[in-house]
Amino acid sequence: MSYLSIQDLSVRLRNGLPLLRKVSLDVKAGEVRALVGESGAGKSMIGKAVLGILPRAVRLTGGKILLDGEDLLALPPKTRRQRIGAKAALIPQDPLTALNPSRRIGPQITDRLVDILGWKRPEAEARALELLEEVHIQSPGRVMKSYPHELSGGMRQRILIASAFAAEPKLIIADEPTTALDVTVQKQILKLIREMQERHQTALLFVTHDLGVVSKISQSLSVLYAGKVIEDTDVRAFFDAPRHAYSKALLAATPKYTDPDGSLMPVPDNIIAAVEREVAAFDAQMNE
């Protein structure tokens, strides 16, 4: 059964420009689904729509977002926020900007437990210490009293992972959580996210532009271009035999560690032109 089911989700700028074009995808309980595509494809926009944090210049124009079988968009705003707060969480891209620089780490983990779930402060602090240990942070008591600038980028990202798992959500959206980290730390953080996801059996929607990461962490994926799902498949089938020409071009453009001196292969112009015609035809059909 799908824990998250997105059905014909459409999002536009207030001037009418489409950002998401009838996007449909499912994430089962305990599954990792990747969203891949180039910058501007709409990957992060899907996550923001699910979490109810779309920018003010953007509006939802159609579709359903079913979380644990309940359509979030049919709920009153206050109830919707409560449901999302209790059942879903975000691991953001940049840990330095995601954490409040003027507050200590402890309250930034515990506030969600206290304010949304009604935990007592001592209970929430004990849970925060457990989570910091679970994400392999040494001296968690000291870290709880630290400010973000006193910690490394890798530690800050581990704290955001701990915070995301604090309330035991059944869905986590990870929005390119390794982009701001160096390669060595990226590998550690990916391993940690996978460990936490498996231990807690969380549905994970993983936003990335890195197909190498997709092969390591996910079971299924959706390929997006200009806010439209171009291909929806399981990971093994995608890497063995992608169906769409754009998907094949993305794979061909991925640098290969076996050929470090090889030339980079950009997506050919004729493939881009073909997929843009496909999107334009889809828009025309929607507007009929």
C-alpha atoms as a PDB file:
ATOM      1  CA  MET A   1       0.000   0.000   0.000  1.00  0.00           C
ATOM      2  CA  SER A   2       1.239   3.503  -0.857  1.00  0.00           C
ATOM      3  CA  TYR A   3       1.829   5.759   2.110  1.00  0.00           C
ATOM      4  CA  LEU A   4       2.108   8.784  -0.197  1.00  0.00           C
ATOM      5  CA  SER A   5       0.043   8.932  -3.378  1.00  0.00           C
ATOM      6  CA  ILE A   6       0.236  12.011  -5.591  1.00  0.00           C
ATOM      7  CA  GLN A   7      -2.454  12.111  -8.259  1.00  0.00           C
ATOM      8  CA  ASP A   8      -2.524  14.556 -11.192  1.00  0.00           C
ATOM      9  CA  LEU A   9      -0.829  17.288  -9.165  1.00  0.00           C
ATOM     10  CA  SER A  10      -0.665  20.599 -11.026  1.00  0.00           C
ATOM     11  CA  VAL A  11       1.131  23.717  -9.816  1.00  0.00           C
ATOM     12  CA  ARG A  12       1.428  27.067 -11.560  1.00  0.00           C
ATOM     13  CA  LEU A  13       2.987  30.442 -10.989  1.00  0.00           C
ATOM     14  CA  ARG A  14       0.375  33.095 -10.373  1.00  0.00           C
ATOM     15  CA  ASN A  15       1.017  34.383 -13.904  1.00  0.00           C
ATOM     16  CA  GLY A  16      -0.191  31.007 -15.221  1.00  0.00           C
ATOM     17  CA  LEU A  17       3.158  29.396 -16.088  1.00  0.00           C
ATOM     18  CA  PRO A  18       2.969  25.617 -15.362  1.00  0.00           C
ATOM     19  CA  LEU A  19       5.545  24.276 -12.896  1.00  0.00           C
ATOM     20  CA  LEU A  20       4.092  20.792 -12.299  1.00  0.00           C
ATOM     21  CA  ARG A  21       2.033  19.128 -15.002  1.00  0.00           C
ATOM     22  CA  LYS A  22      -0.387  16.500 -13.651  1.00  0.00           C
ATOM     23  CA  VAL A  23       2.316  14.701 -11.690  1.00  0.00           C
ATOM     24  CA  SER A  24       1.350  11.258 -10.369  1.00  0.00           C
ATOM     25  CA  LEU A  25       3.575   8.994  -8.278  1.00  0.00           C
ATOM     26  CA  ASP A  26       3.406   6.681  -5.276  1.00  0.00           C
ATOM     27  CA  VAL A  27       5.757   5.955  -2.388  1.00  0.00           C
ATOM     28  CA  LYS A  28       5.055   2.770  -0.467  1.00  0.00           C
ATOM     29  CA  ALA A  29       5.663   2.343   3.246  1.00  0.00           C
ATOM     30  CA  GLY A  30       9.354   1.589   3.731  1.00  0.00           C
ATOM     31  CA  GLU A  31      10.218   2.430   0.106  1.00  0.00           C
ATOM     32  CA  VAL A  32      12.763   4.930  -1.228  1.00  0.00           C
ATOM     33  CA  ARG A  33      11.639   6.694  -4.405  1.00  0.00           C
ATOM     34  CA  ALA A  34      14.007   9.085  -6.144  1.00  0.00           C
ATOM     35  CA  LEU A  35      12.993  12.167  -8.095  1.00  0.00           C
ATOM     36  CA  VAL A  36      15.592  12.894 -10.766  1.00  0.00           C
ATOM     37  CA  GLY A  37      16.022  15.439 -13.514  1.00  0.00           C
ATOM     38  CA  GLU A  38      17.982  18.549 -14.307  1.00  0.00           C
ATOM     39  CA  SER A  39      17.708  21.802 -12.341  1.00  0.00           C
ATOM     40  CA  GLY A  40      14.267  23.366 -12.734  1.00  0.00           C
ATOM     41  CA  ALA A  41      12.540  20.076 -13.539  1.00  0.00           C
ATOM     42  CA  GLY A  42      10.191  20.396 -10.571  1.00  0.00           C
ATOM     43  CA  LYS A  43      11.733  17.883  -8.151  1.00  0.00           C
ATOM     44  CA  SER A  44      11.852  20.150  -5.104  1.00  0.00           C
ATOM     45  CA  MET A  45       8.481  21.679  -6.015  1.00  0.00           C
ATOM     46  CA  ILE A  46       6.832  18.275  -5.527  1.00  0.00           C
ATOM     47  CA  GLY A  47       8.283  17.994  -2.028  1.00  0.00           C
ATOM     48  CA  LYS A  48       7.177  21.529  -1.144  1.00  0.00           C
ATOM     49  CA  ALA A  49       3.656  20.813  -2.391  1.00  0.00           C
ATOM     50  CA  VAL A  50       3.435  17.708  -0.209  1.00  0.00           C
ATOM     51  CA  LEU A  51       4.700  19.566   2.869  1.00  0.00           C
ATOM     52  CA  GLY A  52       2.513  22.624   2.243  1.00  0.00           C
ATOM     53  CA  ILE A  53       5.430  25.042   1.924  1.00  0.00           C
ATOM     54  CA  LEU A  54       5.005  26.299  -1.640  1.00  0.00           C
ATOM     55  CA  PRO A  55       6.283  29.843  -2.280  1.00  0.00           C
ATOM     56  CA  ARG A  56       3.674  32.609  -2.217  1.00  0.00           C
ATOM     57  CA  ALA A  57       4.058  33.203  -5.949  1.00  0.00           C
ATOM     58  CA  VAL A  58       2.950  29.619  -6.627  1.00  0.00           C
ATOM     59  CA  ARG A  59      -0.487  28.045  -6.418  1.00  0.00           C
ATOM     60  CA  LEU A  60      -1.909  24.541  -6.586  1.00  0.00           C
ATOM     61  CA  THR A  61      -4.372  24.247  -9.469  1.00  0.00           C
ATOM     62  CA  GLY A  62      -5.433  20.597  -9.314  1.00  0.00           C
ATOM     63  CA  GLY A  63      -4.834  17.068  -8.130  1.00  0.00           C
ATOM     64  CA  LYS A  64      -4.706  15.149  -4.868  1.00  0.00           C
ATOM     65  CA  ILE A  65      -2.025  14.457  -2.269  1.00  0.00           C
ATOM     66  CA  LEU A  66      -2.969  11.367  -0.270  1.00  0.00           C
ATOM     67  CA  LEU A  67      -0.939  10.860   2.903  1.00  0.00           C
ATOM     68  CA  ASP A  68      -1.761   7.602   4.678  1.00  0.00           C
ATOM     69  CA  GLY A  69      -4.968   7.485   2.621  1.00  0.00           C
ATOM     70  CA  GLU A  70      -6.124  11.007   3.561  1.00  0.00           C
ATOM     71  CA  ASP A  71      -6.318  13.766   0.947  1.00  0.00           C
ATOM     72  CA  LEU A  72      -4.340  16.646   2.450  1.00  0.00           C
ATOM     73  CA  LEU A  73      -5.742  19.181   0.011  1.00  0.00           C
ATOM     74  CA  ALA A  74      -9.305  18.447   1.139  1.00  0.00           C
ATOM     75  CA  LEU A  75      -8.525  19.310   4.773  1.00  0.00           C
ATOM     76  CA  PRO A  76      -8.876  22.729   6.451  1.00  0.00           C
ATOM     77  CA  PRO A  77      -5.462  24.485   6.578  1.00  0.00           C
ATOM     78  CA  LYS A  78      -4.962  24.041  10.339  1.00  0.00           C
ATOM     79  CA  THR A  79      -5.834  20.325  10.229  1.00  0.00           C
ATOM     80  CA  ARG A  80      -3.604  19.873   7.177  1.00  0.00           C
ATOM     81  CA  ARG A  81      -0.628  21.407   9.000  1.00  0.00           C
ATOM     82  CA  GLN A  82      -1.232  19.135  11.979  1.00  0.00           C
ATOM     83  CA  ARG A  83      -1.361  16.027   9.799  1.00  0.00           C
ATOM     84  CA  ILE A  84       1.800  16.974   7.929  1.00  0.00           C
ATOM     85  CA  GLY A  85       3.606  17.880  11.166  1.00  0.00           C
ATOM     86  CA  ALA A  86       2.787  14.521  12.711  1.00  0.00           C
ATOM     87  CA  LYS A  87       3.299  12.284   9.671  1.00  0.00           C
ATOM     88  CA  ALA A  88       5.947  13.895   7.443  1.00  0.00           C
ATOM     89  CA  ALA A  89       9.286  15.672   7.767  1.00  0.00           C
ATOM     90  CA  LEU A  90      11.950  17.318   5.607  1.00  0.00           C
ATOM     91  CA  ILE A  91      15.707  16.870   5.374  1.00  0.00           C
ATOM     92  CA  PRO A  92      16.671  20.129   3.610  1.00  0.00           C
ATOM     93  CA  GLN A  93      19.507  20.795   1.230  1.00  0.00           C
ATOM     94  CA  ASP A  94      21.715  23.265   3.096  1.00  0.00           C
ATOM     95  CA  PRO A  95      22.218  22.558   6.822  1.00  0.00           C
ATOM     96  CA  LEU A  96      23.771  25.958   7.498  1.00  0.00           C
ATOM     97  CA  THR A  97      20.752  27.947   6.298  1.00  0.00           C
ATOM     98  CA  ALA A  98      18.198  25.404   7.587  1.00  0.00           C
ATOM     99  CA  LEU A  99      19.332  25.779  11.191  1.00  0.00           C
ATOM    100  CA  ASN A 100      18.686  29.003  13.098  1.00  0.00           C
ATOM    101  CA  PRO A 101      22.144  30.507  13.759  1.00  0.00           C
ATOM    102  CA  SER A 102      20.967  32.345  16.889  1.00  0.00           C
ATOM    103  CA  ARG A 103      19.579  29.284  18.700  1.00  0.00           C
ATOM    104  CA  ARG A 104      21.249  26.294  20.304  1.00  0.00           C
ATOM    105  CA  ILE A 105      20.851  22.896  18.673  1.00  0.00           C
ATOM    106  CA  GLY A 106      18.778  21.317  21.453  1.00  0.00           C
ATOM    107  CA  PRO A 107      15.676  23.500  21.155  1.00  0.00           C
ATOM    108  CA  GLN A 108      15.795  23.239  17.358  1.00  0.00           C
ATOM    109  CA  ILE A 109      15.261  19.480  17.677  1.00  0.00           C
ATOM    110  CA  THR A 110      12.853  19.482  20.615  1.00  0.00           C
ATOM    111  CA  ASP A 111      10.519  22.355  19.613  1.00  0.00           C
ATOM    112  CA  ARG A 112       8.761  20.226  16.997  1.00  0.00           C
ATOM    113  CA  LEU A 113       8.085  17.486  19.529  1.00  0.00           C
ATOM    114  CA  VAL A 114       6.799  19.964  22.104  1.00  0.00           C
ATOM    115  CA  ASP A 115       4.798  22.301  19.862  1.00  0.00           C
ATOM    116  CA  ILE A 116       3.297  19.827  17.387  1.00  0.00           C
ATOM    117  CA  LEU A 117       3.058  16.574  19.323  1.00  0.00           C
ATOM    118  CA  GLY A 118       2.606  17.992  22.820  1.00  0.00           C
ATOM    119  CA  TRP A 119       5.596  16.279  24.446  1.00  0.00           C
ATOM    120  CA  LYS A 120       6.922  17.517  27.775  1.00  0.00           C
ATOM    121  CA  ARG A 121      10.248  19.347  27.430  1.00  0.00           C
ATOM    122  CA  PRO A 122      12.325  16.832  29.491  1.00  0.00           C
ATOM    123  CA  GLU A 123      10.880  13.954  27.464  1.00  0.00           C
ATOM    124  CA  ALA A 124      11.693  15.750  24.206  1.00  0.00           C
ATOM    125  CA  GLU A 125      15.258  16.499  25.355  1.00  0.00           C
ATOM    126  CA  ALA A 126      15.820  12.835  26.240  1.00  0.00           C
ATOM    127  CA  ARG A 127      14.558  11.853  22.790  1.00  0.00           C
ATOM    128  CA  ALA A 128      16.876  14.401  21.140  1.00  0.00           C
ATOM    129  CA  LEU A 129      19.898  12.944  22.950  1.00  0.00           C
ATOM    130  CA  GLU A 130      18.926   9.431  21.794  1.00  0.00           C
ATOM    131  CA  LEU A 131      18.615  10.614  18.197  1.00  0.00           C
ATOM    132  CA  LEU A 132      21.977  12.388  18.208  1.00  0.00           C
ATOM    133  CA  GLU A 133      23.553   9.142  19.369  1.00  0.00           C
ATOM    134  CA  GLU A 134      21.636   7.258  16.675  1.00  0.00           C
ATOM    135  CA  VAL A 135      23.127   9.494  13.949  1.00  0.00           C
ATOM    136  CA  HIS A 136      26.610   8.840  15.385  1.00  0.00           C
ATOM    137  CA  ILE A 137      27.300  12.221  16.969  1.00  0.00           C
ATOM    138  CA  GLN A 138      29.802  12.066  19.787  1.00  0.00           C
ATOM    139  CA  SER A 139      29.173  14.039  22.987  1.00  0.00           C
ATOM    140  CA  PRO A 140      25.482  14.687  22.196  1.00  0.00           C
ATOM    141  CA  GLY A 141      25.016  16.644  25.427  1.00  0.00           C
ATOM    142  CA  ARG A 142      27.667  19.144  24.340  1.00  0.00           C
ATOM    143  CA  VAL A 143      26.227  19.362  20.830  1.00  0.00           C
ATOM    144  CA  MET A 144      22.743  20.088  22.223  1.00  0.00           C
ATOM    145  CA  LYS A 145      24.193  23.219  23.853  1.00  0.00           C
ATOM    146  CA  SER A 146      26.157  24.294  20.758  1.00  0.00           C
ATOM    147  CA  TYR A 147      25.260  26.837  18.079  1.00  0.00           C
ATOM    148  CA  PRO A 148      25.226  25.764  14.405  1.00  0.00           C
ATOM    149  CA  HIS A 149      28.353  27.769  13.494  1.00  0.00           C
ATOM    150  CA  GLU A 150      30.336  25.791  16.072  1.00  0.00           C
ATOM    151  CA  LEU A 151      29.760  22.530  14.196  1.00  0.00           C
ATOM    152  CA  SER A 152      30.996  21.112  10.891  1.00  0.00           C
ATOM    153  CA  GLY A 153      28.778  20.785   7.834  1.00  0.00           C
ATOM    154  CA  GLY A 154      28.578  17.023   8.270  1.00  0.00           C
ATOM    155  CA  MET A 155      27.509  17.357  11.899  1.00  0.00           C
ATOM    156  CA  ARG A 156      24.875  19.946  11.002  1.00  0.00           C
ATOM    157  CA  GLN A 157      23.441  17.596   8.378  1.00  0.00           C
ATOM    158  CA  ARG A 158      23.374  14.737  10.896  1.00  0.00           C
ATOM    159  CA  ILE A 159      21.432  17.015  13.243  1.00  0.00           C
ATOM    160  CA  LEU A 160      18.870  17.752  10.525  1.00  0.00           C
ATOM    161  CA  ILE A 161      18.504  14.014   9.905  1.00  0.00           C
ATOM    162  CA  ALA A 162      17.986  13.429  13.622  1.00  0.00           C
ATOM    163  CA  SER A 163      15.424  16.237  13.722  1.00  0.00           C
ATOM    164  CA  ALA A 164      13.536  14.784  10.748  1.00  0.00           C
ATOM    165  CA  PHE A 165      13.214  11.398  12.459  1.00  0.00           C
ATOM    166  CA  ALA A 166      12.423  12.866  15.904  1.00  0.00           C
ATOM    167  CA  ALA A 167       8.633  12.468  15.766  1.00  0.00           C
ATOM    168  CA  GLU A 168       8.798   9.064  14.019  1.00  0.00           C
ATOM    169  CA  PRO A 169       7.203  10.321  10.778  1.00  0.00           C
ATOM    170  CA  LYS A 170       6.169   7.722   8.220  1.00  0.00           C
ATOM    171  CA  LEU A 171       7.250   9.950   5.313  1.00  0.00           C
ATOM    172  CA  ILE A 172      10.481  11.906   4.921  1.00  0.00           C
ATOM    173  CA  ILE A 173      11.336  14.121   1.969  1.00  0.00           C
ATOM    174  CA  ALA A 174      15.084  14.534   1.483  1.00  0.00           C
ATOM    175  CA  ASP A 175      15.780  17.504  -0.791  1.00  0.00           C
ATOM    176  CA  GLU A 176      19.296  16.961  -2.175  1.00  0.00           C
ATOM    177  CA  PRO A 177      20.661  16.528   1.364  1.00  0.00           C
ATOM    178  CA  THR A 178      24.283  16.007   0.314  1.00  0.00           C
ATOM    179  CA  THR A 179      24.708  18.881  -2.158  1.00  0.00           C
ATOM    180  CA  ALA A 180      26.504  21.233   0.267  1.00  0.00           C
ATOM    181  CA  LEU A 181      28.905  18.557   1.554  1.00  0.00           C
ATOM    182  CA  ASP A 182      32.267  17.303   0.329  1.00  0.00           C
ATOM    183  CA  VAL A 183      32.435  13.899  -1.354  1.00  0.00           C
ATOM    184  CA  THR A 184      33.688  11.938   1.675  1.00  0.00           C
ATOM    185  CA  VAL A 185      31.000  13.334   3.963  1.00  0.00           C
ATOM    186  CA  GLN A 186      28.357  12.807   1.254  1.00  0.00           C
ATOM    187  CA  LYS A 187      29.014   9.067   1.340  1.00  0.00           C
ATOM    188  CA  GLN A 188      28.677   8.977   5.125  1.00  0.00           C
ATOM    189  CA  ILE A 189      25.439  10.961   5.097  1.00  0.00           C
ATOM    190  CA  LEU A 190      23.884   8.780   2.375  1.00  0.00           C
ATOM    191  CA  LYS A 191      24.745   5.665   4.340  1.00  0.00           C
ATOM    192  CA  LEU A 192      23.263   7.214   7.471  1.00  0.00           C
ATOM    193  CA  ILE A 193      19.997   8.192   5.758  1.00  0.00           C
ATOM    194  CA  ARG A 194      19.640   4.674   4.382  1.00  0.00           C
ATOM    195  CA  GLU A 195      20.347   3.134   7.811  1.00  0.00           C
ATOM    196  CA  MET A 196      17.783   5.379   9.496  1.00  0.00           C
ATOM    197  CA  GLN A 197      15.189   4.782   6.783  1.00  0.00           C
ATOM    198  CA  GLU A 198      15.542   1.009   7.038  1.00  0.00           C
ATOM    199  CA  ARG A 199      15.551   1.013  10.848  1.00  0.00           C
ATOM    200  CA  HIS A 200      12.404   3.134  11.074  1.00  0.00           C
ATOM    201  CA  GLN A 201      10.767   1.715   7.899  1.00  0.00           C
ATOM    202  CA  THR A 202      10.039   5.214   6.656  1.00  0.00           C
ATOM    203  CA  ALA A 203       8.752   6.053   3.195  1.00  0.00           C
ATOM    204  CA  LEU A 204      11.437   8.289   1.678  1.00  0.00           C
ATOM    205  CA  LEU A 205      11.072  10.653  -1.275  1.00  0.00           C
ATOM    206  CA  PHE A 206      14.650  11.461  -2.273  1.00  0.00           C
ATOM    207  CA  VAL A 207      15.260  14.490  -4.506  1.00  0.00           C
ATOM    208  CA  THR A 208      18.545  14.380  -6.416  1.00  0.00           C
ATOM    209  CA  HIS A 209      20.237  15.109  -9.728  1.00  0.00           C
ATOM    210  CA  ASP A 210      22.889  12.448  -9.100  1.00  0.00           C
ATOM    211  CA  LEU A 211      22.094   9.108 -10.760  1.00  0.00           C
ATOM    212  CA  GLY A 212      24.977   7.485  -8.872  1.00  0.00           C
ATOM    213  CA  VAL A 213      23.158   8.268  -5.618  1.00  0.00           C
ATOM    214  CA  VAL A 214      19.909   6.887  -7.072  1.00  0.00           C
ATOM    215  CA  SER A 215      21.524   3.524  -7.777  1.00  0.00           C
ATOM    216  CA  LYS A 216      22.693   3.231  -4.156  1.00  0.00           C
ATOM    217  CA  ILE A 217      19.700   4.403  -2.162  1.00  0.00           C
ATOM    218  CA  SER A 218      16.391   3.935  -4.010  1.00  0.00           C
ATOM    219  CA  GLN A 219      14.139   1.145  -5.249  1.00  0.00           C
ATOM    220  CA  SER A 220      12.087   3.242  -7.677  1.00  0.00           C
ATOM    221  CA  LEU A 221      12.375   6.576  -9.429  1.00  0.00           C
ATOM    222  CA  SER A 222      10.500   9.202 -11.394  1.00  0.00           C
ATOM    223  CA  VAL A 223      12.293  11.165 -14.120  1.00  0.00           C
ATOM    224  CA  LEU A 224      11.017  14.724 -14.556  1.00  0.00           C
ATOM    225  CA  TYR A 225      11.394  17.312 -17.272  1.00  0.00           C
ATOM    226  CA  ALA A 226       9.701  20.729 -17.096  1.00  0.00           C
ATOM    227  CA  GLY A 227       7.377  19.556 -14.331  1.00  0.00           C
ATOM    228  CA  LYS A 228       6.191  16.450 -16.190  1.00  0.00           C
ATOM    229  CA  VAL A 229       6.954  12.841 -15.263  1.00  0.00           C
ATOM    230  CA  ILE A 230       8.785  11.463 -18.298  1.00  0.00           C
ATOM    231  CA  GLU A 231       9.439   7.997 -16.925  1.00  0.00           C
ATOM    232  CA  ASP A 232       8.298   6.138 -13.819  1.00  0.00           C
ATOM    233  CA  THR A 233       9.956   2.807 -13.100  1.00  0.00           C
ATOM    234  CA  ASP A 234      11.984   0.724 -10.673  1.00  0.00           C
ATOM    235  CA  VAL A 235      15.686   1.411 -10.371  1.00  0.00           C
ATOM    236  CA  ARG A 236      16.982  -1.835 -11.856  1.00  0.00           C
ATOM    237  CA  ALA A 237      14.806  -1.488 -14.955  1.00  0.00           C
ATOM    238  CA  PHE A 238      15.903   2.130 -15.361  1.00  0.00           C
ATOM    239  CA  PHE A 239      19.610   1.349 -15.348  1.00  0.00           C
ATOM    240  CA  ASP A 240      19.230  -1.815 -17.422  1.00  0.00           C
ATOM    241  CA  ALA A 241      16.844  -0.534 -20.087  1.00  0.00           C
ATOM    242  CA  PRO A 242      15.424   3.000 -19.735  1.00  0.00           C
ATOM    243  CA  ARG A 243      12.364   3.468 -21.930  1.00  0.00           C
ATOM    244  CA  HIS A 244      12.375   7.190 -22.706  1.00  0.00           C
ATOM    245  CA  ALA A 245      15.003   8.770 -24.971  1.00  0.00           C
ATOM    246  CA  TYR A 246      15.561  11.555 -22.425  1.00  0.00           C
ATOM    247  CA  SER A 247      16.239   8.974 -19.684  1.00  0.00           C
ATOM    248  CA  LYS A 248      18.761   7.248 -21.941  1.00  0.00           C
ATOM    249  CA  ALA A 249      20.453  10.590 -22.602  1.00  0.00           C
ATOM    250  CA  LEU A 250      20.646  11.355 -18.864  1.00  0.00           C
ATOM    251  CA  LEU A 251      22.352   8.012 -18.262  1.00  0.00           C
ATOM    252  CA  ALA A 252      24.771   8.620 -21.118  1.00  0.00           C
ATOM    253  CA  ALA A 253      25.607  12.052 -19.668  1.00  0.00           C
ATOM    254  CA  THR A 254      26.591  10.611 -16.282  1.00  0.00           C
ATOM    255  CA  PRO A 255      30.403  10.713 -15.763  1.00  0.00           C
ATOM    256  CA  LYS A 256      31.905   7.230 -15.382  1.00  0.00           C
ATOM    257  CA  TYR A 257      34.541   6.557 -12.743  1.00  0.00           C
ATOM    258  CA  THR A 258      35.891   3.776 -15.012  1.00  0.00           C
ATOM    259  CA  ASP A 259      36.747   6.412 -17.622  1.00  0.00           C
ATOM    260  CA  PRO A 260      38.097   9.444 -15.713  1.00  0.00           C
ATOM    261  CA  ASP A 261      39.587  10.988 -18.861  1.00  0.00           C
ATOM    262  CA  GLY A 262      36.441  10.547 -20.939  1.00  0.00           C
ATOM    263  CA  SER A 263      34.563  13.534 -22.350  1.00  0.00           C
ATOM    264  CA  LEU A 264      31.332  14.684 -20.775  1.00  0.00           C
ATOM    265  CA  MET A 265      28.264  13.867 -22.858  1.00  0.00           C
ATOM    266  CA  PRO A 266      25.590  16.582 -22.687  1.00  0.00           C
ATOM    267  CA  VAL A 267      22.007  15.681 -23.518  1.00  0.00           C
ATOM    268  CA  PRO A 268      21.762  16.162 -27.310  1.00  0.00           C
ATOM    269  CA  ASP A 269      19.777  19.133 -28.615  1.00  0.00           C
ATOM    270  CA  ASN A 270      17.487  16.892 -30.668  1.00  0.00           C
ATOM    271  CA  ILE A 271      16.473  14.975 -27.498  1.00  0.00           C
ATOM    272  CA  ILE A 272      15.740  18.239 -25.678  1.00  0.00           C
ATOM    273  CA  ALA A 273      13.700  19.474 -28.648  1.00  0.00           C
ATOM    274  CA  ALA A 274      11.736  16.213 -28.764  1.00  0.00           C
ATOM    275  CA  VAL A 275      10.889  16.213 -25.054  1.00  0.00           C
ATOM    276  CA  GLU A 276       9.898  19.891 -25.222  1.00  0.00           C
ATOM    277  CA  ARG A 277       7.513  19.041 -28.078  1.00  0.00           C
ATOM    278  CA  GLU A 278       6.125  16.250 -25.900  1.00  0.00           C
ATOM    279  CA  VAL A 279       5.540  18.692 -23.042  1.00  0.00           C
ATOM    280  CA  ALA A 280       3.964  21.248 -25.378  1.00  0.00           C
ATOM    281  CA  ALA A 281       1.601  18.603 -26.785  1.00  0.00           C
ATOM    282  CA  PHE A 282       0.677  17.613 -23.238  1.00  0.00           C
ATOM    283  CA  ASP A 283      -0.105  21.243 -22.377  1.00  0.00           C
ATOM    284  CA  ALA A 284      -2.234  21.604 -25.481  1.00  0.00           C
ATOM    285  CA  GLN A 285      -4.194  18.482 -24.538  1.00  0.00           C
ATOM    286  CA  MET A 286      -4.717  19.807 -20.993  1.00  0.00           C
ATOM    287  CA  ASN A 287      -6.044  23.118 -22.321  1.00  0.00           C
ATOM    288  CA  GLU A 288      -8.561  21.598 -24.739  1.00  0.00           C
END
